Amino acid sequence: MSGRLKIAILDDYQNVALQVADWSKIKAVADVDVFDRHLPLEEAKTVLKPYDILCHLRERMAMPKELFDALPNLKMCAIVGVEHRTLDKKAASDRGILVCNDMKPGGGGHGTPELAWGMLIAAARGIALEHEHMRKGGWQGPSMGVSLAGKTLGLLGLGRLGKRMVRYANAFEMPVIAWSQNLTTEAAAEVGVKRVDKEELFKQSDFISIHYVLSDRSRGIVGPAEFNTMKPSAYIINTSRGPIIQEKAMIDALNSGKIAGAAVDVYDVEPLPQNSPVRSAKNLTMTPHLGYVTQGSLKLFYDAIVRCVEAYVEGKPIGITNPEAVKS
């Protein structure tokens, strides 16, 4: 590899990429720039034009064909996580751009369900509302929380993260029911969960937590019918993907009092626009997609990115997810 490369670290909101991983070898042969804010598509087409390598943190920056076509110098994208669903891998391959991922198995996975459980408690006890009330000089405010023991937790999805939620629920003496399109009664029973159909999940649950992969089948799977089925005292928690819930239906359910509350970490559009009606919905606890944002996870992610970039710079790329790009 001849010449000095230009590398962009994208969407590093906490500005920690250069702190948690060792970039010294890379900096010796390349210029490394950190973008600590999200670049909208049109701005990205211009700002990222000089770069040879883009370093992605999960799916914060979408990479459609339109963006690939606007970046003539781009040679490699380093990604982390299971996959980058908003990256057009065919467009990358057609341009001969490598997409590399060297995440090691077994790392992370606790952050999102831990946050989901924290948000469940925060919603149940009105923690965010009482915090703000005290900040303004008050004492006990309007919240009258609910206890979790004996309440039913409904899991929309019982995969790796959903199963961790079962363990937390057991500690809080909550019975658990679950539904997903492929879940069997036997698989649910293996982890002490009762499988129910979708309508019963929404009808019986006091708290519903979503742990579902976003796909064409799951997009918008929670809408007006589901909210109308829920108890007026029930809460819904989403730390999975925003579009699984129909956003307007959730806002309407909250503002009309059809449900007691919600807690969400994910949104249809991220970062959440300033004028989004989600921001003013009643009885809603919000966090800015913090599920995987822990010190340990970020170190794992950026260490993996560094390995990919170092190998590419040395002319021996690793973790190539689109080998067809090498032939193009």
C-alpha atoms as a PDB file:
ATOM      1  CA  MET A   1       0.000   0.000   0.000  1.00  0.00           C
ATOM      2  CA  SER A   2       1.688   3.201  -1.155  1.00  0.00           C
ATOM      3  CA  GLY A   3       0.806   6.754  -0.211  1.00  0.00           C
ATOM      4  CA  ARG A   4      -0.771   8.058   2.966  1.00  0.00           C
ATOM      5  CA  LEU A   5      -4.337   6.849   3.430  1.00  0.00           C
ATOM      6  CA  LYS A   6      -7.241   8.897   4.705  1.00  0.00           C
ATOM      7  CA  ILE A   7      -9.460   7.164   7.248  1.00  0.00           C
ATOM      8  CA  ALA A   8     -12.764   8.378   8.695  1.00  0.00           C
ATOM      9  CA  ILE A   9     -14.239   7.088  11.944  1.00  0.00           C
ATOM     10  CA  LEU A  10     -17.968   7.704  11.624  1.00  0.00           C
ATOM     11  CA  ASP A  11     -20.651   8.507  14.197  1.00  0.00           C
ATOM     12  CA  ASP A  12     -18.374   8.362  17.220  1.00  0.00           C
ATOM     13  CA  TYR A  13     -20.889  10.278  19.346  1.00  0.00           C
ATOM     14  CA  GLN A  14     -18.963   9.769  22.589  1.00  0.00           C
ATOM     15  CA  ASN A  15     -15.649  10.632  20.888  1.00  0.00           C
ATOM     16  CA  VAL A  16     -13.979   7.561  22.383  1.00  0.00           C
ATOM     17  CA  ALA A  17     -12.735   5.578  19.371  1.00  0.00           C
ATOM     18  CA  LEU A  18      -9.157   6.851  19.654  1.00  0.00           C
ATOM     19  CA  GLN A  19      -9.139   6.300  23.421  1.00  0.00           C
ATOM     20  CA  VAL A  20     -10.428   2.746  23.788  1.00  0.00           C
ATOM     21  CA  ALA A  21      -8.348   1.182  20.985  1.00  0.00           C
ATOM     22  CA  ASP A  22      -4.715   1.454  19.880  1.00  0.00           C
ATOM     23  CA  TRP A  23      -4.553   3.300  16.562  1.00  0.00           C
ATOM     24  CA  SER A  24      -0.801   4.050  16.742  1.00  0.00           C
ATOM     25  CA  LYS A  25       0.252   1.731  13.900  1.00  0.00           C
ATOM     26  CA  ILE A  26      -2.495   3.102  11.680  1.00  0.00           C
ATOM     27  CA  LYS A  27      -1.688   6.729  12.478  1.00  0.00           C
ATOM     28  CA  ALA A  28       1.906   6.122  11.401  1.00  0.00           C
ATOM     29  CA  VAL A  29       0.774   5.551   7.818  1.00  0.00           C
ATOM     30  CA  ALA A  30      -2.606   7.262   7.605  1.00  0.00           C
ATOM     31  CA  ASP A  31      -4.530  10.381   8.546  1.00  0.00           C
ATOM     32  CA  VAL A  32      -7.371   9.456  10.900  1.00  0.00           C
ATOM     33  CA  ASP A  33     -10.331  11.814  11.310  1.00  0.00           C
ATOM     34  CA  VAL A  34     -13.147  11.348  13.809  1.00  0.00           C
ATOM     35  CA  PHE A  35     -16.723  12.453  13.103  1.00  0.00           C
ATOM     36  CA  ASP A  36     -18.550  12.767  16.418  1.00  0.00           C
ATOM     37  CA  ARG A  37     -21.861  13.665  14.823  1.00  0.00           C
ATOM     38  CA  HIS A  38     -24.042  11.980  12.247  1.00  0.00           C
ATOM     39  CA  LEU A  39     -23.573  13.083   8.642  1.00  0.00           C
ATOM     40  CA  PRO A  40     -26.803  13.296   6.628  1.00  0.00           C
ATOM     41  CA  LEU A  41     -26.608  11.627   3.232  1.00  0.00           C
ATOM     42  CA  GLU A  42     -26.103  14.735   1.098  1.00  0.00           C
ATOM     43  CA  GLU A  43     -23.408  16.083   3.414  1.00  0.00           C
ATOM     44  CA  ALA A  44     -21.720  12.692   3.581  1.00  0.00           C
ATOM     45  CA  LYS A  45     -21.429  12.591  -0.224  1.00  0.00           C
ATOM     46  CA  THR A  46     -19.222  15.684  -0.084  1.00  0.00           C
ATOM     47  CA  VAL A  47     -17.438  15.399   3.257  1.00  0.00           C
ATOM     48  CA  LEU A  48     -16.419  11.748   2.860  1.00  0.00           C
ATOM     49  CA  LYS A  49     -15.235  12.049  -0.753  1.00  0.00           C
ATOM     50  CA  PRO A  50     -11.476  12.146   0.071  1.00  0.00           C
ATOM     51  CA  TYR A  51     -11.463   9.031   2.288  1.00  0.00           C
ATOM     52  CA  ASP A  52     -10.031   5.619   1.461  1.00  0.00           C
ATOM     53  CA  ILE A  53     -11.471   3.790   4.495  1.00  0.00           C
ATOM     54  CA  LEU A  54     -14.676   4.317   6.469  1.00  0.00           C
ATOM     55  CA  CYS A  55     -15.013   2.879   9.981  1.00  0.00           C
ATOM     56  CA  HIS A  56     -18.629   2.190  10.964  1.00  0.00           C
ATOM     57  CA  LEU A  57     -20.069   1.752  14.432  1.00  0.00           C
ATOM     58  CA  ARG A  58     -22.921  -0.694  13.940  1.00  0.00           C
ATOM     59  CA  GLU A  59     -25.604   0.752  11.640  1.00  0.00           C
ATOM     60  CA  ARG A  60     -25.360   4.419  12.614  1.00  0.00           C
ATOM     61  CA  MET A  61     -24.346   5.453   9.083  1.00  0.00           C
ATOM     62  CA  ALA A  62     -26.347   3.948   6.242  1.00  0.00           C
ATOM     63  CA  MET A  63     -24.357   3.118   3.104  1.00  0.00           C
ATOM     64  CA  PRO A  64     -26.744   2.983   0.137  1.00  0.00           C
ATOM     65  CA  LYS A  65     -25.551   2.646  -3.454  1.00  0.00           C
ATOM     66  CA  GLU A  66     -26.037   6.385  -3.861  1.00  0.00           C
ATOM     67  CA  LEU A  67     -23.352   7.070  -1.261  1.00  0.00           C
ATOM     68  CA  PHE A  68     -20.932   4.456  -2.579  1.00  0.00           C
ATOM     69  CA  ASP A  69     -21.232   6.007  -6.042  1.00  0.00           C
ATOM     70  CA  ALA A  70     -20.348   9.432  -4.622  1.00  0.00           C
ATOM     71  CA  LEU A  71     -17.078   8.303  -3.004  1.00  0.00           C
ATOM     72  CA  PRO A  72     -14.473   7.679  -5.719  1.00  0.00           C
ATOM     73  CA  ASN A  73     -11.556   7.028  -3.339  1.00  0.00           C
ATOM     74  CA  LEU A  74     -13.289   4.528  -1.077  1.00  0.00           C
ATOM     75  CA  LYS A  75     -11.556   1.151  -0.903  1.00  0.00           C
ATOM     76  CA  MET A  76     -12.725  -0.474   2.326  1.00  0.00           C
ATOM     77  CA  CYS A  77     -15.434  -0.251   4.999  1.00  0.00           C
ATOM     78  CA  ALA A  78     -14.720  -1.680   8.438  1.00  0.00           C
ATOM     79  CA  ILE A  79     -17.896  -2.731  10.259  1.00  0.00           C
ATOM     80  CA  VAL A  80     -18.781  -4.376  13.577  1.00  0.00           C
ATOM     81  CA  GLY A  81     -21.730  -6.334  14.898  1.00  0.00           C
ATOM     82  CA  VAL A  82     -23.601  -9.271  13.399  1.00  0.00           C
ATOM     83  CA  GLU A  83     -24.058  -7.402  10.124  1.00  0.00           C
ATOM     84  CA  HIS A  84     -24.627  -3.939   8.684  1.00  0.00           C
ATOM     85  CA  ARG A  85     -28.181  -4.137   7.358  1.00  0.00           C
ATOM     86  CA  THR A  86     -28.186  -0.599   5.975  1.00  0.00           C
ATOM     87  CA  LEU A  87     -25.011  -1.107   3.947  1.00  0.00           C
ATOM     88  CA  ASP A  88     -25.587  -2.090   0.313  1.00  0.00           C
ATOM     89  CA  LYS A  89     -23.048  -4.873   0.052  1.00  0.00           C
ATOM     90  CA  LYS A  90     -23.762  -5.469  -3.635  1.00  0.00           C
ATOM     91  CA  ALA A  91     -23.003  -1.819  -4.420  1.00  0.00           C
ATOM     92  CA  ALA A  92     -19.737  -2.145  -2.500  1.00  0.00           C
ATOM     93  CA  SER A  93     -18.822  -5.345  -4.317  1.00  0.00           C
ATOM     94  CA  ASP A  94     -19.652  -3.892  -7.728  1.00  0.00           C
ATOM     95  CA  ARG A  95     -17.184  -1.084  -6.998  1.00  0.00           C
ATOM     96  CA  GLY A  96     -14.527  -3.481  -5.652  1.00  0.00           C
ATOM     97  CA  ILE A  97     -14.860  -2.027  -2.135  1.00  0.00           C
ATOM     98  CA  LEU A  98     -14.141  -4.511   0.644  1.00  0.00           C
ATOM     99  CA  VAL A  99     -16.456  -4.758   3.652  1.00  0.00           C
ATOM    100  CA  CYS A 100     -14.499  -6.228   6.559  1.00  0.00           C
ATOM    101  CA  ASN A 101     -15.673  -7.425   9.975  1.00  0.00           C
ATOM    102  CA  ASP A 102     -13.385  -9.063  12.547  1.00  0.00           C
ATOM    103  CA  MET A 103     -15.688  -9.185  15.556  1.00  0.00           C
ATOM    104  CA  LYS A 104     -14.870 -12.159  17.767  1.00  0.00           C
ATOM    105  CA  PRO A 105     -17.703 -14.425  18.967  1.00  0.00           C
ATOM    106  CA  GLY A 106     -18.865 -14.265  22.559  1.00  0.00           C
ATOM    107  CA  GLY A 107     -18.266 -10.569  23.167  1.00  0.00           C
ATOM    108  CA  GLY A 108     -20.963  -8.212  24.425  1.00  0.00           C
ATOM    109  CA  GLY A 109     -24.634  -9.118  24.380  1.00  0.00           C
ATOM    110  CA  HIS A 110     -25.430  -8.043  27.930  1.00  0.00           C
ATOM    111  CA  GLY A 111     -25.744  -4.295  27.404  1.00  0.00           C
ATOM    112  CA  THR A 112     -29.060  -4.232  25.532  1.00  0.00           C
ATOM    113  CA  PRO A 113     -31.109  -6.522  27.815  1.00  0.00           C
ATOM    114  CA  GLU A 114     -29.636  -4.791  30.863  1.00  0.00           C
ATOM    115  CA  LEU A 115     -30.756  -1.447  29.474  1.00  0.00           C
ATOM    116  CA  ALA A 116     -34.167  -2.898  28.613  1.00  0.00           C
ATOM    117  CA  TRP A 117     -34.613  -4.025  32.207  1.00  0.00           C
ATOM    118  CA  GLY A 118     -33.477  -0.661  33.514  1.00  0.00           C
ATOM    119  CA  MET A 119     -35.963   1.093  31.238  1.00  0.00           C
ATOM    120  CA  LEU A 120     -38.711  -1.265  32.359  1.00  0.00           C
ATOM    121  CA  ILE A 121     -38.088  -0.294  35.987  1.00  0.00           C
ATOM    122  CA  ALA A 122     -37.750   3.385  35.073  1.00  0.00           C
ATOM    123  CA  ALA A 123     -41.119   3.324  33.327  1.00  0.00           C
ATOM    124  CA  ALA A 124     -42.811   1.349  36.096  1.00  0.00           C
ATOM    125  CA  ARG A 125     -41.606   3.733  38.823  1.00  0.00           C
ATOM    126  CA  GLY A 126     -41.635   7.042  36.921  1.00  0.00           C
ATOM    127  CA  ILE A 127     -37.934   7.550  37.592  1.00  0.00           C
ATOM    128  CA  ALA A 128     -37.290  10.055  34.792  1.00  0.00           C
ATOM    129  CA  LEU A 129     -40.316  12.157  35.743  1.00  0.00           C
ATOM    130  CA  GLU A 130     -39.423  12.215  39.441  1.00  0.00           C
ATOM    131  CA  HIS A 131     -35.792  13.023  38.623  1.00  0.00           C
ATOM    132  CA  GLU A 132     -36.867  16.098  36.668  1.00  0.00           C
ATOM    133  CA  HIS A 133     -39.349  17.059  39.406  1.00  0.00           C
ATOM    134  CA  MET A 134     -36.563  17.032  42.002  1.00  0.00           C
ATOM    135  CA  ARG A 135     -34.182  18.910  39.701  1.00  0.00           C
ATOM    136  CA  LYS A 136     -36.757  21.694  39.685  1.00  0.00           C
ATOM    137  CA  GLY A 137     -36.846  21.836  43.488  1.00  0.00           C
ATOM    138  CA  GLY A 138     -39.746  19.513  44.171  1.00  0.00           C
ATOM    139  CA  TRP A 139     -40.082  16.507  46.422  1.00  0.00           C
ATOM    140  CA  GLN A 140     -42.495  13.654  45.713  1.00  0.00           C
ATOM    141  CA  GLY A 141     -44.180  14.336  42.390  1.00  0.00           C
ATOM    142  CA  PRO A 142     -47.159  12.865  40.539  1.00  0.00           C
ATOM    143  CA  SER A 143     -45.819   9.341  40.055  1.00  0.00           C
ATOM    144  CA  MET A 144     -47.407   6.355  41.751  1.00  0.00           C
ATOM    145  CA  GLY A 145     -45.343   3.460  40.525  1.00  0.00           C
ATOM    146  CA  VAL A 146     -46.210  -0.203  40.202  1.00  0.00           C
ATOM    147  CA  SER A 147     -44.408  -3.173  41.721  1.00  0.00           C
ATOM    148  CA  LEU A 148     -43.068  -5.854  39.367  1.00  0.00           C
ATOM    149  CA  ALA A 149     -43.564  -8.989  41.478  1.00  0.00           C
ATOM    150  CA  GLY A 150     -46.474 -10.989  40.139  1.00  0.00           C
ATOM    151  CA  LYS A 151     -46.811  -8.898  36.975  1.00  0.00           C
ATOM    152  CA  THR A 152     -46.595 -10.700  33.632  1.00  0.00           C
ATOM    153  CA  LEU A 153     -43.694  -9.984  31.313  1.00  0.00           C
ATOM    154  CA  GLY A 154     -44.427 -10.580  27.646  1.00  0.00           C
ATOM    155  CA  LEU A 155     -41.472 -11.061  25.317  1.00  0.00           C
ATOM    156  CA  LEU A 156     -41.846 -10.323  21.631  1.00  0.00           C
ATOM    157  CA  GLY A 157     -38.970 -12.543  20.561  1.00  0.00           C
ATOM    158  CA  LEU A 158     -37.198 -15.180  22.640  1.00  0.00           C
ATOM    159  CA  GLY A 159     -33.732 -15.291  21.113  1.00  0.00           C
ATOM    160  CA  ARG A 160     -30.400 -14.729  22.835  1.00  0.00           C
ATOM    161  CA  LEU A 161     -31.379 -11.361  24.311  1.00  0.00           C
ATOM    162  CA  GLY A 162     -34.931 -12.366  25.135  1.00  0.00           C
ATOM    163  CA  LYS A 163     -33.667 -15.344  27.140  1.00  0.00           C
ATOM    164  CA  ARG A 164     -31.571 -13.005  29.268  1.00  0.00           C
ATOM    165  CA  MET A 165     -34.726 -11.052  30.043  1.00  0.00           C
ATOM    166  CA  VAL A 166     -36.261 -14.283  31.349  1.00  0.00           C
ATOM    167  CA  ARG A 167     -33.505 -14.567  33.967  1.00  0.00           C
ATOM    168  CA  TYR A 168     -34.086 -11.010  35.139  1.00  0.00           C
ATOM    169  CA  ALA A 169     -37.842 -11.601  35.314  1.00  0.00           C
ATOM    170  CA  ASN A 170     -37.318 -14.715  37.416  1.00  0.00           C
ATOM    171  CA  ALA A 171     -35.310 -12.681  39.922  1.00  0.00           C
ATOM    172  CA  PHE A 172     -38.206 -10.211  40.160  1.00  0.00           C
ATOM    173  CA  GLU A 173     -40.811 -12.983  40.537  1.00  0.00           C
ATOM    174  CA  MET A 174     -42.534 -12.194  37.256  1.00  0.00           C
ATOM    175  CA  PRO A 175     -44.169 -14.919  35.136  1.00  0.00           C
ATOM    176  CA  VAL A 176     -43.053 -14.774  31.502  1.00  0.00           C
ATOM    177  CA  ILE A 177     -44.938 -15.410  28.281  1.00  0.00           C
ATOM    178  CA  ALA A 178     -43.532 -15.065  24.762  1.00  0.00           C
ATOM    179  CA  TRP A 179     -44.399 -15.060  21.092  1.00  0.00           C
ATOM    180  CA  SER A 180     -42.550 -14.917  17.825  1.00  0.00           C
ATOM    181  CA  GLN A 181     -43.373 -16.244  14.397  1.00  0.00           C
ATOM    182  CA  ASN A 182     -41.029 -19.220  14.743  1.00  0.00           C
ATOM    183  CA  LEU A 183     -41.199 -19.876  18.487  1.00  0.00           C
ATOM    184  CA  THR A 184     -42.415 -23.336  19.486  1.00  0.00           C
ATOM    185  CA  THR A 185     -44.083 -24.363  22.736  1.00  0.00           C
ATOM    186  CA  GLU A 186     -41.180 -26.723  23.447  1.00  0.00           C
ATOM    187  CA  ALA A 187     -38.466 -24.092  22.905  1.00  0.00           C
ATOM    188  CA  ALA A 188     -40.264 -21.672  25.217  1.00  0.00           C
ATOM    189  CA  ALA A 189     -40.758 -24.319  27.899  1.00  0.00           C
ATOM    190  CA  GLU A 190     -37.031 -25.103  27.894  1.00  0.00           C
ATOM    191  CA  VAL A 191     -36.371 -21.695  29.459  1.00  0.00           C
ATOM    192  CA  GLY A 192     -39.432 -21.691  31.713  1.00  0.00           C
ATOM    193  CA  VAL A 193     -41.605 -19.559  29.446  1.00  0.00           C
ATOM    194  CA  LYS A 194     -45.151 -20.125  28.234  1.00  0.00           C
ATOM    195  CA  ARG A 195     -45.672 -19.636  24.517  1.00  0.00           C
ATOM    196  CA  VAL A 196     -48.866 -17.781  23.605  1.00  0.00           C
ATOM    197  CA  ASP A 197     -50.196 -16.430  20.345  1.00  0.00           C
ATOM    198  CA  LYS A 198     -49.543 -12.816  19.440  1.00  0.00           C
ATOM    199  CA  GLU A 199     -52.946 -11.481  20.469  1.00  0.00           C
ATOM    200  CA  GLU A 200     -52.726 -13.175  23.868  1.00  0.00           C
ATOM    201  CA  LEU A 201     -49.247 -11.749  24.418  1.00  0.00           C
ATOM    202  CA  PHE A 202     -50.582  -8.217  24.098  1.00  0.00           C
ATOM    203  CA  LYS A 203     -53.764  -8.995  26.046  1.00  0.00           C
ATOM    204  CA  GLN A 204     -52.151 -10.698  29.045  1.00  0.00           C
ATOM    205  CA  SER A 205     -48.876  -8.801  29.509  1.00  0.00           C
ATOM    206  CA  ASP A 206     -48.338  -6.076  32.061  1.00  0.00           C
ATOM    207  CA  PHE A 207     -44.987  -5.289  30.464  1.00  0.00           C
ATOM    208  CA  ILE A 208     -43.992  -6.111  26.877  1.00  0.00           C
ATOM    209  CA  SER A 209     -40.331  -6.059  25.884  1.00  0.00           C
ATOM    210  CA  ILE A 210     -39.314  -6.332  22.237  1.00  0.00           C
ATOM    211  CA  HIS A 211     -36.302  -8.444  21.257  1.00  0.00           C
ATOM    212  CA  TYR A 212     -36.937  -9.053  17.574  1.00  0.00           C
ATOM    213  CA  VAL A 213     -34.750  -8.715  14.500  1.00  0.00           C
ATOM    214  CA  LEU A 214     -36.001  -6.088  12.052  1.00  0.00           C
ATOM    215  CA  SER A 215     -36.999  -7.627   8.739  1.00  0.00           C
ATOM    216  CA  ASP A 216     -39.746  -7.307   6.160  1.00  0.00           C
ATOM    217  CA  ARG A 217     -41.837  -9.681   8.306  1.00  0.00           C
ATOM    218  CA  SER A 218     -41.363  -7.756  11.552  1.00  0.00           C
ATOM    219  CA  ARG A 219     -41.513  -4.176  10.284  1.00  0.00           C
ATOM    220  CA  GLY A 220     -44.580  -2.519  11.807  1.00  0.00           C
ATOM    221  CA  ILE A 221     -45.575  -5.695  13.617  1.00  0.00           C
ATOM    222  CA  VAL A 222     -46.819  -3.627  16.571  1.00  0.00           C
ATOM    223  CA  GLY A 223     -49.545  -1.259  15.446  1.00  0.00           C
ATOM    224  CA  PRO A 224     -53.016   0.057  16.373  1.00  0.00           C
ATOM    225  CA  ALA A 225     -54.521  -3.416  16.803  1.00  0.00           C
ATOM    226  CA  GLU A 226     -51.834  -4.440  19.279  1.00  0.00           C
ATOM    227  CA  PHE A 227     -52.081  -1.226  21.310  1.00  0.00           C
ATOM    228  CA  ASN A 228     -55.892  -1.556  21.405  1.00  0.00           C
ATOM    229  CA  THR A 229     -55.454  -5.072  22.801  1.00  0.00           C
ATOM    230  CA  MET A 230     -53.090  -4.048  25.607  1.00  0.00           C
ATOM    231  CA  LYS A 231     -54.254  -3.371  29.168  1.00  0.00           C
ATOM    232  CA  PRO A 232     -54.633   0.333  30.012  1.00  0.00           C
ATOM    233  CA  SER A 233     -52.154  -0.353  32.837  1.00  0.00           C
ATOM    234  CA  ALA A 234     -49.553  -1.972  30.561  1.00  0.00           C
ATOM    235  CA  TYR A 235     -46.157  -0.722  29.382  1.00  0.00           C
ATOM    236  CA  ILE A 236     -44.120  -1.491  26.252  1.00  0.00           C
ATOM    237  CA  ILE A 237     -40.325  -1.380  26.014  1.00  0.00           C
ATOM    238  CA  ASN A 238     -38.393  -1.326  22.739  1.00  0.00           C
ATOM    239  CA  THR A 239     -34.602  -1.658  22.659  1.00  0.00           C
ATOM    240  CA  SER A 240     -34.584  -3.614  19.389  1.00  0.00           C
ATOM    241  CA  ARG A 241     -35.341  -1.504  16.303  1.00  0.00           C
ATOM    242  CA  GLY A 242     -37.668   1.467  15.991  1.00  0.00           C
ATOM    243  CA  PRO A 243     -39.662   0.397  12.896  1.00  0.00           C
ATOM    244  CA  ILE A 244     -40.882  -2.773  14.624  1.00  0.00           C
ATOM    245  CA  ILE A 245     -43.402  -0.467  16.312  1.00  0.00           C
ATOM    246  CA  GLN A 246     -45.576   1.766  14.150  1.00  0.00           C
ATOM    247  CA  GLU A 247     -44.471   5.096  15.565  1.00  0.00           C
ATOM    248  CA  LYS A 248     -47.745   6.987  15.112  1.00  0.00           C
ATOM    249  CA  ALA A 249     -49.711   4.167  16.709  1.00  0.00           C
ATOM    250  CA  MET A 250     -47.450   4.271  19.763  1.00  0.00           C
ATOM    251  CA  ILE A 251     -47.735   8.053  20.081  1.00  0.00           C
ATOM    252  CA  ASP A 252     -51.530   7.879  19.760  1.00  0.00           C
ATOM    253  CA  ALA A 253     -51.722   5.123  22.392  1.00  0.00           C
ATOM    254  CA  LEU A 254     -49.595   7.133  24.814  1.00  0.00           C
ATOM    255  CA  ASN A 255     -51.304  10.483  24.286  1.00  0.00           C
ATOM    256  CA  SER A 256     -54.786   8.971  24.527  1.00  0.00           C
ATOM    257  CA  GLY A 257     -53.985   6.935  27.642  1.00  0.00           C
ATOM    258  CA  LYS A 258     -54.696   3.587  25.964  1.00  0.00           C
ATOM    259  CA  ILE A 259     -51.572   2.275  27.704  1.00  0.00           C
ATOM    260  CA  ALA A 260     -49.823   3.400  30.869  1.00  0.00           C
ATOM    261  CA  GLY A 261     -46.473   4.139  29.284  1.00  0.00           C
ATOM    262  CA  ALA A 262     -43.560   3.141  27.106  1.00  0.00           C
ATOM    263  CA  ALA A 263     -39.780   3.182  27.174  1.00  0.00           C
ATOM    264  CA  VAL A 264     -37.837   3.264  23.903  1.00  0.00           C
ATOM    265  CA  ASP A 265     -34.189   3.319  22.944  1.00  0.00           C
ATOM    266  CA  VAL A 266     -34.663   3.057  19.161  1.00  0.00           C
ATOM    267  CA  TYR A 267     -36.510   5.115  16.546  1.00  0.00           C
ATOM    268  CA  ASP A 268     -37.658   5.135  12.933  1.00  0.00           C
ATOM    269  CA  VAL A 269     -35.082   7.813  12.098  1.00  0.00           C
ATOM    270  CA  GLU A 270     -31.809   8.071  14.018  1.00  0.00           C
ATOM    271  CA  PRO A 271     -30.577  10.392  15.323  1.00  0.00           C
ATOM    272  CA  LEU A 272     -34.106  11.358  16.357  1.00  0.00           C
ATOM    273  CA  PRO A 273     -35.066  14.628  14.593  1.00  0.00           C
ATOM    274  CA  GLN A 274     -35.514  17.668  16.822  1.00  0.00           C
ATOM    275  CA  ASN A 275     -39.128  18.104  15.718  1.00  0.00           C
ATOM    276  CA  SER A 276     -40.136  14.451  16.056  1.00  0.00           C
ATOM    277  CA  PRO A 277     -43.529  14.030  17.774  1.00  0.00           C
ATOM    278  CA  VAL A 278     -41.982  11.185  19.751  1.00  0.00           C
ATOM    279  CA  ARG A 279     -40.187  13.777  21.889  1.00  0.00           C
ATOM    280  CA  SER A 280     -43.458  15.171  23.244  1.00  0.00           C
ATOM    281  CA  ALA A 281     -45.418  11.927  23.688  1.00  0.00           C
ATOM    282  CA  LYS A 282     -46.915  11.446  27.147  1.00  0.00           C
ATOM    283  CA  ASN A 283     -45.596   8.886  29.635  1.00  0.00           C
ATOM    284  CA  LEU A 284     -42.609   8.032  27.464  1.00  0.00           C
ATOM    285  CA  THR A 285     -39.112   7.314  28.755  1.00  0.00           C
ATOM    286  CA  MET A 286     -36.453   7.811  26.056  1.00  0.00           C
ATOM    287  CA  THR A 287     -32.776   7.022  25.606  1.00  0.00           C
ATOM    288  CA  PRO A 288     -30.658   7.702  22.469  1.00  0.00           C
ATOM    289  CA  HIS A 289     -29.922   4.134  21.244  1.00  0.00           C
ATOM    290  CA  LEU A 290     -27.692   3.207  24.172  1.00  0.00           C
ATOM    291  CA  GLY A 291     -28.353  -0.540  24.131  1.00  0.00           C
ATOM    292  CA  TYR A 292     -24.867  -1.607  23.107  1.00  0.00           C
ATOM    293  CA  VAL A 293     -23.133   1.586  24.253  1.00  0.00           C
ATOM    294  CA  THR A 294     -21.033   0.387  27.170  1.00  0.00           C
ATOM    295  CA  GLN A 295     -17.315   0.776  27.802  1.00  0.00           C
ATOM    296  CA  GLY A 296     -16.703  -2.933  27.269  1.00  0.00           C
ATOM    297  CA  SER A 297     -18.702  -3.176  24.048  1.00  0.00           C
ATOM    298  CA  LEU A 298     -17.170  -0.075  22.493  1.00  0.00           C
ATOM    299  CA  LYS A 299     -13.686  -1.394  23.207  1.00  0.00           C
ATOM    300  CA  LEU A 300     -14.567  -4.711  21.555  1.00  0.00           C
ATOM    301  CA  PHE A 301     -15.992  -2.889  18.545  1.00  0.00           C
ATOM    302  CA  TYR A 302     -13.104  -0.483  18.003  1.00  0.00           C
ATOM    303  CA  ASP A 303     -10.454  -3.156  18.643  1.00  0.00           C
ATOM    304  CA  ALA A 304     -12.097  -5.168  15.847  1.00  0.00           C
ATOM    305  CA  ILE A 305     -12.119  -2.147  13.551  1.00  0.00           C
ATOM    306  CA  VAL A 306      -8.435  -1.494  14.246  1.00  0.00           C
ATOM    307  CA  ARG A 307      -7.580  -5.103  13.379  1.00  0.00           C
ATOM    308  CA  CYS A 308      -9.405  -4.788  10.064  1.00  0.00           C
ATOM    309  CA  VAL A 309      -7.747  -1.492   9.160  1.00  0.00           C
ATOM    310  CA  GLU A 310      -4.250  -2.643  10.173  1.00  0.00           C
ATOM    311  CA  ALA A 311      -4.591  -5.802   8.081  1.00  0.00           C
ATOM    312  CA  TYR A 312      -5.827  -3.835   5.084  1.00  0.00           C
ATOM    313  CA  VAL A 313      -2.976  -1.344   5.367  1.00  0.00           C
ATOM    314  CA  GLU A 314      -0.526  -4.257   5.451  1.00  0.00           C
ATOM    315  CA  GLY A 315      -2.047  -5.629   2.245  1.00  0.00           C
ATOM    316  CA  LYS A 316      -3.517  -8.703   3.969  1.00  0.00           C
ATOM    317  CA  PRO A 317      -7.196  -7.858   4.583  1.00  0.00           C
ATOM    318  CA  ILE A 318      -9.109 -10.001   7.089  1.00  0.00           C
ATOM    319  CA  GLY A 319     -12.777 -10.644   7.796  1.00  0.00           C
ATOM    320  CA  ILE A 320     -13.854  -9.953   4.222  1.00  0.00           C
ATOM    321  CA  THR A 321     -17.655 -10.301   4.147  1.00  0.00           C
ATOM    322  CA  ASN A 322     -17.957  -9.732   0.399  1.00  0.00           C
ATOM    323  CA  PRO A 323     -15.245 -11.837  -1.297  1.00  0.00           C
ATOM    324  CA  GLU A 324     -16.882 -11.137  -4.655  1.00  0.00           C
ATOM    325  CA  ALA A 325     -15.481  -7.611  -4.391  1.00  0.00           C
ATOM    326  CA  VAL A 326     -11.961  -8.973  -4.776  1.00  0.00           C
ATOM    327  CA  LYS A 327     -12.863 -10.353  -8.199  1.00  0.00           C
ATOM    328  CA  SER A 328     -14.620  -7.230  -9.448  1.00  0.00           C
END
